[in-house]
C-alpha atoms as a PDB file:
ATOM      1  CA  ASN A   1      85.111 141.489  85.026  1.00  0.00           C
ATOM      2  CA  ASP A   2      81.682 142.882  87.024  1.00  0.00           C
ATOM      3  CA  ARG A   3      82.825 146.820  87.128  1.00  0.00           C
ATOM      4  CA  MET A   4      79.475 146.999  84.696  1.00  0.00           C
ATOM      5  CA  GLY A   5      77.614 144.098  85.760  1.00  0.00           C
ATOM      6  CA  GLU A   6      74.265 145.415  85.652  1.00  0.00           C
ATOM      7  CA  ALA A   7      74.808 146.412  82.237  1.00  0.00           C
ATOM      8  CA  GLU A   8      77.515 144.267  80.113  1.00  0.00           C
ATOM      9  CA  CYS A   9      78.354 140.521  79.930  1.00  0.00           C
ATOM     10  CA  VAL A  10      79.927 139.493  82.895  1.00  0.00           C
ATOM     11  CA  PHE A  11      83.598 137.052  82.331  1.00  0.00           C
ATOM     12  CA  ILE A  12      86.326 135.617  84.150  1.00  0.00           C
ATOM     13  CA  ILE A  13      89.408 134.392  82.714  1.00  0.00           C
ATOM     14  CA  VAL A  14      91.099 131.939  84.384  1.00  0.00           C
ATOM     15  CA  VAL A  15      94.782 130.960  84.128  1.00  0.00           C
ATOM     16  CA  SER A  16      96.371 127.898  84.333  1.00  0.00           C
ATOM     17  CA  LEU A  17     100.023 127.310  84.671  1.00  0.00           C
ATOM     18  CA  ARG A  18     100.559 123.858  84.956  1.00  0.00           C
ATOM     19  CA  MET A  19      98.165 123.217  82.464  1.00  0.00           C
ATOM     20  CA  ARG A  20      99.497 126.144  80.380  1.00  0.00           C
ATOM     21  CA  ARG A  21      95.816 127.375  79.319  1.00  0.00           C
ATOM     22  CA  VAL A  22      93.925 130.533  79.713  1.00  0.00           C
ATOM     23  CA  THR A  23      90.086 129.549  80.058  1.00  0.00           C
ATOM     24  CA  VAL A  24      87.381 131.997  79.664  1.00  0.00           C
ATOM     25  CA  ILE A  25      83.732 132.013  81.658  1.00  0.00           C
ATOM     26  CA  PHE A  26      80.905 133.757  80.435  1.00  0.00           C
ATOM     27  CA  ARG A  27      78.028 134.281  82.964  1.00  0.00           C
ATOM     28  CA  GLY A  28      74.500 132.978  81.968  1.00  0.00           C
ATOM     29  CA  THR A  29      71.356 135.261  82.077  1.00  0.00           C
ATOM     30  CA  THR A  30      71.420 136.904  85.507  1.00  0.00           C
ATOM     31  CA  THR A  31      70.650 140.782  85.415  1.00  0.00           C
ATOM     32  CA  VAL A  32      68.012 142.514  83.192  1.00  0.00           C
ATOM     33  CA  SER A  33      70.612 143.650  80.736  1.00  0.00           C
ATOM     34  CA  ASP A  34      70.900 139.915  80.006  1.00  0.00           C
ATOM     35  CA  ILE A  35      67.083 139.284  79.622  1.00  0.00           C
ATOM     36  CA  ILE A  36      67.104 142.164  76.941  1.00  0.00           C
ATOM     37  CA  ALA A  37      70.086 140.680  75.190  1.00  0.00           C
ATOM     38  CA  ASN A  38      68.444 137.419  75.209  1.00  0.00           C
ATOM     39  CA  ALA A  39      65.128 138.970  73.666  1.00  0.00           C
ATOM     40  CA  ASP A  40      66.288 140.662  71.195  1.00  0.00           C
ATOM     41  CA  PHE A  41      65.814 138.280  68.528  1.00  0.00           C
ATOM     42  CA  GLY A  42      67.298 140.470  65.216  1.00  0.00           C
ATOM     43  CA  ILE A  43      70.434 140.147  63.383  1.00  0.00           C
ATOM     44  CA  THR A  44      73.145 142.358  62.744  1.00  0.00           C
ATOM     45  CA  THR A  45      75.416 141.995  59.797  1.00  0.00           C
ATOM     46  CA  VAL A  46      78.684 142.108  60.350  1.00  0.00           C
ATOM     47  CA  PRO A  47      81.675 141.398  58.455  1.00  0.00           C
ATOM     48  CA  ASP A  48      83.194 137.770  58.139  1.00  0.00           C
ATOM     49  CA  PRO A  49      86.584 138.115  60.153  1.00  0.00           C
ATOM     50  CA  THR A  50      88.061 134.823  58.464  1.00  0.00           C
ATOM     51  CA  ALA A  51      88.757 137.039  55.582  1.00  0.00           C
ATOM     52  CA  GLU A  52      89.033 134.030  53.441  1.00  0.00           C
ATOM     53  CA  ASP A  53      87.286 132.274  50.362  1.00  0.00           C
ATOM     54  CA  TYR A  54      85.517 129.147  51.220  1.00  0.00           C
ATOM     55  CA  PRO A  55      82.478 126.557  49.566  1.00  0.00           C
ATOM     56  CA  ASN A  56      78.704 128.909  49.993  1.00  0.00           C
ATOM     57  CA  GLY A  57      80.975 131.491  52.228  1.00  0.00           C
ATOM     58  CA  SER A  58      80.032 135.061  52.197  1.00  0.00           C
ATOM     59  CA  ASP A  59      81.485 138.497  53.274  1.00  0.00           C
ATOM     60  CA  LEU A  60      78.655 138.674  55.512  1.00  0.00           C
ATOM     61  CA  ILE A  61      77.564 136.488  58.236  1.00  0.00           C
ATOM     62  CA  GLU A  62      74.518 137.175  60.543  1.00  0.00           C
ATOM     63  CA  VAL A  63      74.797 137.423  64.203  1.00  0.00           C
ATOM     64  CA  ASN A  64      72.427 137.984  67.089  1.00  0.00           C
ATOM     65  CA  ASN A  65      71.608 141.427  68.142  1.00  0.00           C
ATOM     66  CA  GLY A  66      71.755 140.874  71.729  1.00  0.00           C
ATOM     67  CA  TYR A  67      75.258 139.409  71.849  1.00  0.00           C
ATOM     68  CA  VAL A  68      76.602 141.806  69.305  1.00  0.00           C
ATOM     69  CA  GLN A  69      75.663 144.484  71.294  1.00  0.00           C
ATOM     70  CA  TYR A  70      77.521 142.821  74.153  1.00  0.00           C
ATOM     71  CA  LEU A  71      80.429 141.438  72.451  1.00  0.00           C
ATOM     72  CA  LEU A  72      80.786 143.586  69.131  1.00  0.00           C
ATOM     73  CA  THR A  73      80.227 146.941  69.592  1.00  0.00           C
ATOM     74  CA  GLU A  74      82.877 149.680  70.237  1.00  0.00           C
ATOM     75  CA  ARG A  75      82.722 151.652  73.107  1.00  0.00           C
ATOM     76  CA  ASP A  76      82.368 155.433  73.008  1.00  0.00           C
ATOM     77  CA  ASP A  77      85.445 156.240  75.562  1.00  0.00           C
ATOM     78  CA  THR A  78      87.998 153.647  74.279  1.00  0.00           C
ATOM     79  CA  GLY A  79      86.755 152.665  70.771  1.00  0.00           C
ATOM     80  CA  LEU A  80      86.960 148.703  71.467  1.00  0.00           C
ATOM     81  CA  THR A  81      84.789 145.941  72.002  1.00  0.00           C
ATOM     82  CA  LYS A  82      84.276 143.604  74.956  1.00  0.00           C
ATOM     83  CA  PHE A  83      85.983 140.841  72.530  1.00  0.00           C
ATOM     84  CA  ASP A  84      88.862 143.328  72.248  1.00  0.00           C
ATOM     85  CA  GLU A  85      89.013 143.828  75.694  1.00  0.00           C
ATOM     86  CA  ILE A  86      88.698 140.282  76.913  1.00  0.00           C
ATOM     87  CA  ALA A  87      91.137 139.289  74.281  1.00  0.00           C
ATOM     88  CA  ASN A  88      93.895 141.421  74.834  1.00  0.00           C
ATOM     89  CA  ARG A  89      93.921 140.637  78.635  1.00  0.00           C
ATOM     90  CA  VAL A  90      93.994 136.977  77.312  1.00  0.00           C
ATOM     91  CA  ASP A  91      97.306 137.583  75.510  1.00  0.00           C
ATOM     92  CA  GLU A  92      98.592 139.776  78.025  1.00  0.00           C
ATOM     93  CA  PHE A  93      98.230 136.680  80.754  1.00  0.00           C
ATOM     94  CA  GLY A  94      99.490 134.163  77.914  1.00  0.00           C
ATOM     95  CA  ASN A  95     102.758 136.275  77.212  1.00  0.00           C
ATOM     96  CA  GLU A  96     103.600 135.845  80.912  1.00  0.00           C
ATOM     97  CA  MET A  97     103.736 132.245  80.734  1.00  0.00           C
ATOM     98  CA  GLY A  98     106.812 132.739  78.619  1.00  0.00           C
ATOM     99  CA  GLU A  99     107.986 130.361  76.087  1.00  0.00           C
ATOM    100  CA  GLY A 100     106.191 127.505  75.050  1.00  0.00           C
ATOM    101  CA  GLY A 101     102.735 129.182  74.385  1.00  0.00           C
ATOM    102  CA  TYR A 102      99.587 128.471  75.964  1.00  0.00           C
ATOM    103  CA  SER A 103      96.107 127.098  74.934  1.00  0.00           C
ATOM    104  CA  LEU A 104      92.493 129.015  74.823  1.00  0.00           C
ATOM    105  CA  PHE A 105      89.920 127.553  75.879  1.00  0.00           C
ATOM    106  CA  VAL A 106      86.037 129.201  76.264  1.00  0.00           C
ATOM    107  CA  THR A 107      83.259 127.949  77.763  1.00  0.00           C
ATOM    108  CA  GLY A 108      79.614 129.373  79.191  1.00  0.00           C
ATOM    109  CA  HIS A 109      76.333 128.175  79.720  1.00  0.00           C
ATOM    110  CA  SER A 110      73.093 129.343  78.715  1.00  0.00           C
ATOM    111  CA  MET A 111      73.297 132.822  77.105  1.00  0.00           C
ATOM    112  CA  GLY A 112      77.383 132.799  78.138  1.00  0.00           C
ATOM    113  CA  GLY A 113      77.366 129.328  75.787  1.00  0.00           C
ATOM    114  CA  ALA A 114      75.999 131.939  72.888  1.00  0.00           C
ATOM    115  CA  LEU A 115      78.516 134.474  73.725  1.00  0.00           C
ATOM    116  CA  ALA A 116      81.390 131.693  74.279  1.00  0.00           C
ATOM    117  CA  ALA A 117      80.817 130.463  70.655  1.00  0.00           C
ATOM    118  CA  ILE A 118      81.105 133.786  68.931  1.00  0.00           C
ATOM    119  CA  PHE A 119      83.762 135.131  71.170  1.00  0.00           C
ATOM    120  CA  GLY A 120      85.557 131.474  70.474  1.00  0.00           C
ATOM    121  CA  PHE A 121      85.170 131.763  66.555  1.00  0.00           C
ATOM    122  CA  TYR A 122      86.677 135.209  66.752  1.00  0.00           C
ATOM    123  CA  ALA A 123      89.569 134.221  68.364  1.00  0.00           C
ATOM    124  CA  SER A 124      90.275 131.446  66.035  1.00  0.00           C
ATOM    125  CA  THR A 125      90.432 134.372  63.451  1.00  0.00           C
ATOM    126  CA  ASP A 126      93.357 136.143  65.593  1.00  0.00           C
ATOM    127  CA  ARG A 127      96.731 135.040  64.884  1.00  0.00           C
ATOM    128  CA  ARG A 128      98.043 135.280  68.865  1.00  0.00           C
ATOM    129  CA  PHE A 129      95.312 132.297  69.925  1.00  0.00           C
ATOM    130  CA  ALA A 130      94.995 129.999  67.002  1.00  0.00           C
ATOM    131  CA  GLN A 131      97.210 127.323  65.450  1.00  0.00           C
ATOM    132  CA  LYS A 132      96.612 124.985  63.503  1.00  0.00           C
ATOM    133  CA  ASP A 133      98.063 122.174  66.289  1.00  0.00           C
ATOM    134  CA  ASN A 134      96.554 124.361  68.600  1.00  0.00           C
ATOM    135  CA  PRO A 135      92.981 125.299  67.852  1.00  0.00           C
ATOM    136  CA  VAL A 136      90.787 127.024  70.135  1.00  0.00           C
ATOM    137  CA  ARG A 137      88.269 125.046  71.899  1.00  0.00           C
ATOM    138  CA  ILE A 138      84.598 125.832  73.482  1.00  0.00           C
ATOM    139  CA  PHE A 139      82.833 123.713  75.587  1.00  0.00           C
ATOM    140  CA  THR A 140      79.026 125.448  75.969  1.00  0.00           C
ATOM    141  CA  PHE A 141      76.443 124.035  77.990  1.00  0.00           C
ATOM    142  CA  ALA A 142      72.478 124.921  77.084  1.00  0.00           C
ATOM    143  CA  SER A 143      73.787 127.056  74.821  1.00  0.00           C
ATOM    144  CA  ALA A 144      71.254 129.762  72.845  1.00  0.00           C
ATOM    145  CA  ILE A 145      71.262 129.952  69.308  1.00  0.00           C
ATOM    146  CA  PRO A 146      74.297 132.413  68.733  1.00  0.00           C
ATOM    147  CA  GLY A 147      73.289 133.279  65.082  1.00  0.00           C
ATOM    148  CA  ARG A 148      71.978 132.436  61.454  1.00  0.00           C
ATOM    149  CA  VAL A 149      73.448 129.800  59.057  1.00  0.00           C
ATOM    150  CA  SER A 150      76.048 132.504  57.271  1.00  0.00           C
ATOM    151  CA  PHE A 151      77.771 132.536  61.039  1.00  0.00           C
ATOM    152  CA  ALA A 152      77.682 129.056  61.230  1.00  0.00           C
ATOM    153  CA  LYS A 153      79.102 128.377  57.634  1.00  0.00           C
ATOM    154  CA  ALA A 154      82.228 130.649  58.564  1.00  0.00           C
ATOM    155  CA  PHE A 155      82.406 128.793  61.721  1.00  0.00           C
ATOM    156  CA  GLN A 156      82.565 125.418  60.366  1.00  0.00           C
ATOM    157  CA  HIS A 157      85.180 126.429  57.819  1.00  0.00           C
ATOM    158  CA  GLN A 158      87.403 127.585  60.927  1.00  0.00           C
ATOM    159  CA  GLU A 159      86.758 124.288  62.257  1.00  0.00           C
ATOM    160  CA  LYS A 160      88.120 122.668  58.964  1.00  0.00           C
ATOM    161  CA  ALA A 161      91.463 124.582  58.977  1.00  0.00           C
ATOM    162  CA  GLY A 162      91.735 123.128  62.447  1.00  0.00           C
ATOM    163  CA  LEU A 163      91.928 126.576  64.211  1.00  0.00           C
ATOM    164  CA  LEU A 164      88.834 126.149  66.136  1.00  0.00           C
ATOM    165  CA  GLN A 165      86.944 123.288  68.121  1.00  0.00           C
ATOM    166  CA  HIS A 166      83.837 123.454  69.778  1.00  0.00           C
ATOM    167  CA  LEU A 167      81.473 120.985  72.125  1.00  0.00           C
ATOM    168  CA  ARG A 168      78.265 121.718  72.759  1.00  0.00           C
ATOM    169  CA  ILE A 169      76.530 120.261  75.526  1.00  0.00           C
ATOM    170  CA  SER A 170      72.674 120.188  75.848  1.00  0.00           C
ATOM    171  CA  ASN A 171      69.933 118.016  77.586  1.00  0.00           C
ATOM    172  CA  ASP A 172      67.888 116.975  75.027  1.00  0.00           C
ATOM    173  CA  ASN A 173      64.352 118.247  76.858  1.00  0.00           C
ATOM    174  CA  ASP A 174      65.893 121.361  77.648  1.00  0.00           C
ATOM    175  CA  ILE A 175      64.436 124.089  75.063  1.00  0.00           C
ATOM    176  CA  VAL A 176      66.589 127.077  75.385  1.00  0.00           C
ATOM    177  CA  PRO A 177      69.186 125.410  72.932  1.00  0.00           C
ATOM    178  CA  LEU A 178      66.322 124.940  70.417  1.00  0.00           C
ATOM    179  CA  ALA A 179      63.952 128.029  71.466  1.00  0.00           C
ATOM    180  CA  HIS A 180      64.301 131.029  69.073  1.00  0.00           C
ATOM    181  CA  PRO A 181      61.069 132.503  67.795  1.00  0.00           C
ATOM    182  CA  GLN A 182      63.010 133.144  64.339  1.00  0.00           C
ATOM    183  CA  SER A 183      64.500 129.615  63.908  1.00  0.00           C
ATOM    184  CA  GLU A 184      62.567 129.550  60.454  1.00  0.00           C
ATOM    185  CA  LEU A 185      64.899 132.117  59.401  1.00  0.00           C
ATOM    186  CA  THR A 186      67.803 129.887  59.328  1.00  0.00           C
ATOM    187  CA  PHE A 187      69.403 129.831  63.094  1.00  0.00           C
ATOM    188  CA  ALA A 188      71.900 127.633  63.621  1.00  0.00           C
ATOM    189  CA  HIS A 189      74.050 126.315  66.159  1.00  0.00           C
ATOM    190  CA  THR A 190      77.730 125.521  66.035  1.00  0.00           C
ATOM    191  CA  GLY A 191      79.913 122.367  67.076  1.00  0.00           C
ATOM    192  CA  VAL A 192      79.613 119.299  67.892  1.00  0.00           C
ATOM    193  CA  SER A 193      76.470 118.192  69.983  1.00  0.00           C
ATOM    194  CA  LEU A 194      77.027 116.248  72.304  1.00  0.00           C
ATOM    195  CA  SER A 195      73.070 115.586  73.897  1.00  0.00           C
ATOM    196  CA  LEU A 196      72.691 114.425  77.458  1.00  0.00           C
ATOM    197  CA  HIS A 197      69.254 112.194  77.994  1.00  0.00           C
ATOM    198  CA  GLU A 198      67.219 111.912  80.865  1.00  0.00           C
ATOM    199  CA  ASP A 199      66.600 108.207  80.387  1.00  0.00           C
ATOM    200  CA  ARG A 200      69.564 106.925  79.053  1.00  0.00           C
ATOM    201  CA  ASN A 201      73.118 107.124  79.758  1.00  0.00           C
ATOM    202  CA  LEU A 202      75.304 107.733  76.921  1.00  0.00           C
ATOM    203  CA  PRO A 203      75.227 110.808  75.109  1.00  0.00           C
ATOM    204  CA  SER A 204      74.199 111.286  71.054  1.00  0.00           C
ATOM    205  CA  ILE A 205      76.710 113.084  69.406  1.00  0.00           C
ATOM    206  CA  LYS A 206      76.343 114.833  66.109  1.00  0.00           C
ATOM    207  CA  TYR A 207      78.065 117.056  63.272  1.00  0.00           C
ATOM    208  CA  VAL A 208      75.926 119.176  60.897  1.00  0.00           C
ATOM    209  CA  GLN A 209      78.440 119.256  57.964  1.00  0.00           C
ATOM    210  CA  ASP A 210      76.137 121.402  55.595  1.00  0.00           C
ATOM    211  CA  PRO A 211      74.435 124.062  57.914  1.00  0.00           C
ATOM    212  CA  ASP A 212      70.957 124.539  55.520  1.00  0.00           C
ATOM    213  CA  TRP A 213      68.240 126.666  56.234  1.00  0.00           C
ATOM    214  CA  TRP A 214      65.710 123.596  55.944  1.00  0.00           C
ATOM    215  CA  GLY A 215      67.569 121.679  58.394  1.00  0.00           C
ATOM    216  CA  THR A 216      68.046 124.080  60.772  1.00  0.00           C
ATOM    217  CA  TRP A 217      64.557 125.241  60.735  1.00  0.00           C
ATOM    218  CA  THR A 218      62.903 121.163  61.080  1.00  0.00           C
ATOM    219  CA  ALA A 219      65.738 120.165  63.697  1.00  0.00           C
ATOM    220  CA  ASN A 220      65.633 123.336  66.152  1.00  0.00           C
ATOM    221  CA  PHE A 221      61.875 124.060  65.600  1.00  0.00           C
ATOM    222  CA  LEU A 222      59.668 121.500  64.382  1.00  0.00           C
ATOM    223  CA  THR A 223      60.755 118.921  65.936  1.00  0.00           C
ATOM    224  CA  ASN A 224      62.862 120.004  69.056  1.00  0.00           C
ATOM    225  CA  LEU A 225      61.023 122.917  70.479  1.00  0.00           C
ATOM    226  CA  TRP A 226      57.028 121.699  70.226  1.00  0.00           C
ATOM    227  CA  LEU A 227      57.817 118.003  71.214  1.00  0.00           C
ATOM    228  CA  ASN A 228      59.910 119.393  74.392  1.00  0.00           C
ATOM    229  CA  SER A 229      58.385 122.680  75.567  1.00  0.00           C
ATOM    230  CA  HIS A 230      56.168 120.895  78.289  1.00  0.00           C
ATOM    231  CA  ARG A 231      58.872 118.789  79.453  1.00  0.00           C
ATOM    232  CA  GLY A 232      60.077 120.902  83.015  1.00  0.00           C
ATOM    233  CA  ALA A 233      62.221 123.817  81.262  1.00  0.00           C
ATOM    234  CA  GLY A 234      63.609 125.255  84.312  1.00  0.00           C
ATOM    235  CA  LYS A 235      65.123 121.833  85.849  1.00  0.00           C
ATOM    236  CA  ASN A 236      66.267 120.852  82.450  1.00  0.00           C
ATOM    237  CA  HIS A 237      68.420 124.099  81.982  1.00  0.00           C
ATOM    238  CA  SER A 238      69.385 124.137  85.439  1.00  0.00           C
ATOM    239  CA  THR A 239      73.498 123.487  85.923  1.00  0.00           C
ATOM    240  CA  ILE A 240      73.197 120.890  88.655  1.00  0.00           C
ATOM    241  CA  ASN A 241      70.734 119.281  85.896  1.00  0.00           C
ATOM    242  CA  TYR A 242      73.417 119.175  83.287  1.00  0.00           C
ATOM    243  CA  ALA A 243      76.489 118.302  86.276  1.00  0.00           C
ATOM    244  CA  LYS A 244      74.274 115.269  87.377  1.00  0.00           C
ATOM    245  CA  ARG A 245      73.443 113.956  83.836  1.00  0.00           C
ATOM    246  CA  TYR A 246      77.645 114.490  82.970  1.00  0.00           C
ATOM    247  CA  GLU A 247      78.701 112.569  86.011  1.00  0.00           C
ATOM    248  CA  ARG A 248      76.401 109.781  84.925  1.00  0.00           C
ATOM    249  CA  ILE A 249      77.518 109.426  81.305  1.00  0.00           C
ATOM    250  CA  GLN A 250      81.059 109.625  82.400  1.00  0.00           C
ATOM    251  CA  THR A 251      80.604 106.982  84.622  1.00  0.00           C
ATOM    252  CA  GLU A 252      78.959 104.813  81.759  1.00  0.00           C
ATOM    253  CA  MET A 253      81.152 105.714  79.394  1.00  0.00           C
ATOM    254  CA  ASN A 254      84.316 104.777  81.137  1.00  0.00           C
ATOM    255  CA  GLU A 255      82.385 101.432  82.058  1.00  0.00           C
ATOM    256  CA  LYS A 256      82.464 100.656  77.805  1.00  0.00           C
ATOM    257  CA  GLY A 257      85.814 101.453  77.495  1.00  0.00           C
ATOM    258  CA  MET A 258      85.144 105.317  76.244  1.00  0.00           C
ATOM    259  CA  GLY A 259      86.384 107.730  78.947  1.00  0.00           C
ATOM    260  CA  GLY A 260      89.629 108.446  77.076  1.00  0.00           C
ATOM    261  CA  LEU A 261      87.752 109.771  73.948  1.00  0.00           C
ATOM    262  CA  THR A 262      88.707 113.465  73.471  1.00  0.00           C
ATOM    263  CA  LEU A 263      87.241 116.439  71.483  1.00  0.00           C
ATOM    264  CA  ASN A 264      90.125 115.619  68.566  1.00  0.00           C
ATOM    265  CA  ASP A 265      89.095 112.209  68.111  1.00  0.00           C
ATOM    266  CA  LEU A 266      85.576 113.553  67.590  1.00  0.00           C
ATOM    267  CA  TYR A 267      87.015 116.211  64.822  1.00  0.00           C
ATOM    268  CA  ALA A 268      89.160 113.679  63.481  1.00  0.00           C
ATOM    269  CA  ALA A 269      86.392 111.477  62.725  1.00  0.00           C
ATOM    270  CA  TYR A 270      83.781 113.926  61.482  1.00  0.00           C
ATOM    271  CA  LEU A 271      86.131 116.015  59.385  1.00  0.00           C
ATOM    272  CA  ASP A 272      87.669 112.974  58.241  1.00  0.00           C
ATOM    273  CA  GLY A 273      84.165 110.781  57.396  1.00  0.00           C
ATOM    274  CA  SER A 274      85.643 108.328  59.604  1.00  0.00           C
ATOM    275  CA  ALA A 275      83.413 105.663  61.787  1.00  0.00           C
ATOM    276  CA  PRO A 276      84.710 105.557  65.126  1.00  0.00           C
ATOM    277  CA  PRO A 277      83.712 102.049  66.981  1.00  0.00           C
ATOM    278  CA  TRP A 278      82.313 103.902  69.694  1.00  0.00           C
ATOM    279  CA  SER A 279      79.752 105.403  67.305  1.00  0.00           C
ATOM    280  CA  LYS A 280      77.068 103.166  67.626  1.00  0.00           C
ATOM    281  CA  GLN A 281      76.656 102.965  71.147  1.00  0.00           C
ATOM    282  CA  CYS A 282      76.409 106.944  71.371  1.00  0.00           C
ATOM    283  CA  GLN A 283      74.169 106.863  68.908  1.00  0.00           C
ATOM    284  CA  ILE A 284      76.277 109.335  66.457  1.00  0.00           C
END
C-alpha cells in the first residue's frame, strides 16, 4: 500500500497458498516522513493490549512516538489505525484460503523492523492471528528500538504464552539497532537476538529473560553504541551487507550440522531453561 507513501508507513502483504502463510513486510526509512518518525524519540503511553496480569506487568506500555503515529493512530476519516487496516486485509486474505488456517509472519528492515515488532505484538493479542500452536512469527533485520522496558515485558508475556516469536537479526557493528539518545530511559529490544559478526562465521544468540532498565542502558548505550559508532555505520546497516553475512553463517551452520535449527528450537531452549547442544558453538 503506497497510496500515501510520502506520508505513511509503506507495507506489502505476500500470500503463499502452498505454505498457507500470510507475510506482512514493512519498508525501512525512505522518505522525509520516515526520518521524522525515526527522530521522534519521545514515548507514547498506550493501554497494554494483552489485558492480563503478569509478573512486573503494567496496565500501560510505552512505545516510540514516531512508530505509534505510523501504526496506532486513528484516521480522521475511517476511525481505523494503520494496524487495523493491515490486520483486516491479512484476515481477509487468510480466510480466502479456506479451512485449515494459516500462519502470520511479519518482517522489516531498520524502521520497518521496529514497525514489524509492534505490529506482530498487537497481532499476537488478536485471536484471528495467534494460537498457542501457531504463534505470530516476526523476523527483523537491523531493527530500531521500538519502545521501553514496559513494552518489552508485555512482548515477553506473549512469548511465554506461546503466542509470539521474534528473531531479531543484527550486524554486531551496526549502530542503528543500538542507537537511541534516550537509551538511559529504559528503551529495550524484544525477541531472540541473532548477531552476525564481521570476523566470525557463527552468530551470537541471546535472549534476555527479564528486561530491566540497568541492563538496557549498559547493553545499548555504554557498551555497544560508543564502541561501534565509528565502524562503517552506513555499510554495516545495508541490506546487502546483511545478506552477505547471513549467507556466510548459513553455510557454516550447515557444515556444523546446525542447518535445521528453527525458531521453535530457540524458544524451547530459552523458555524451558535447557542448554541446547549448539549453545557453545554459537556463544549463546
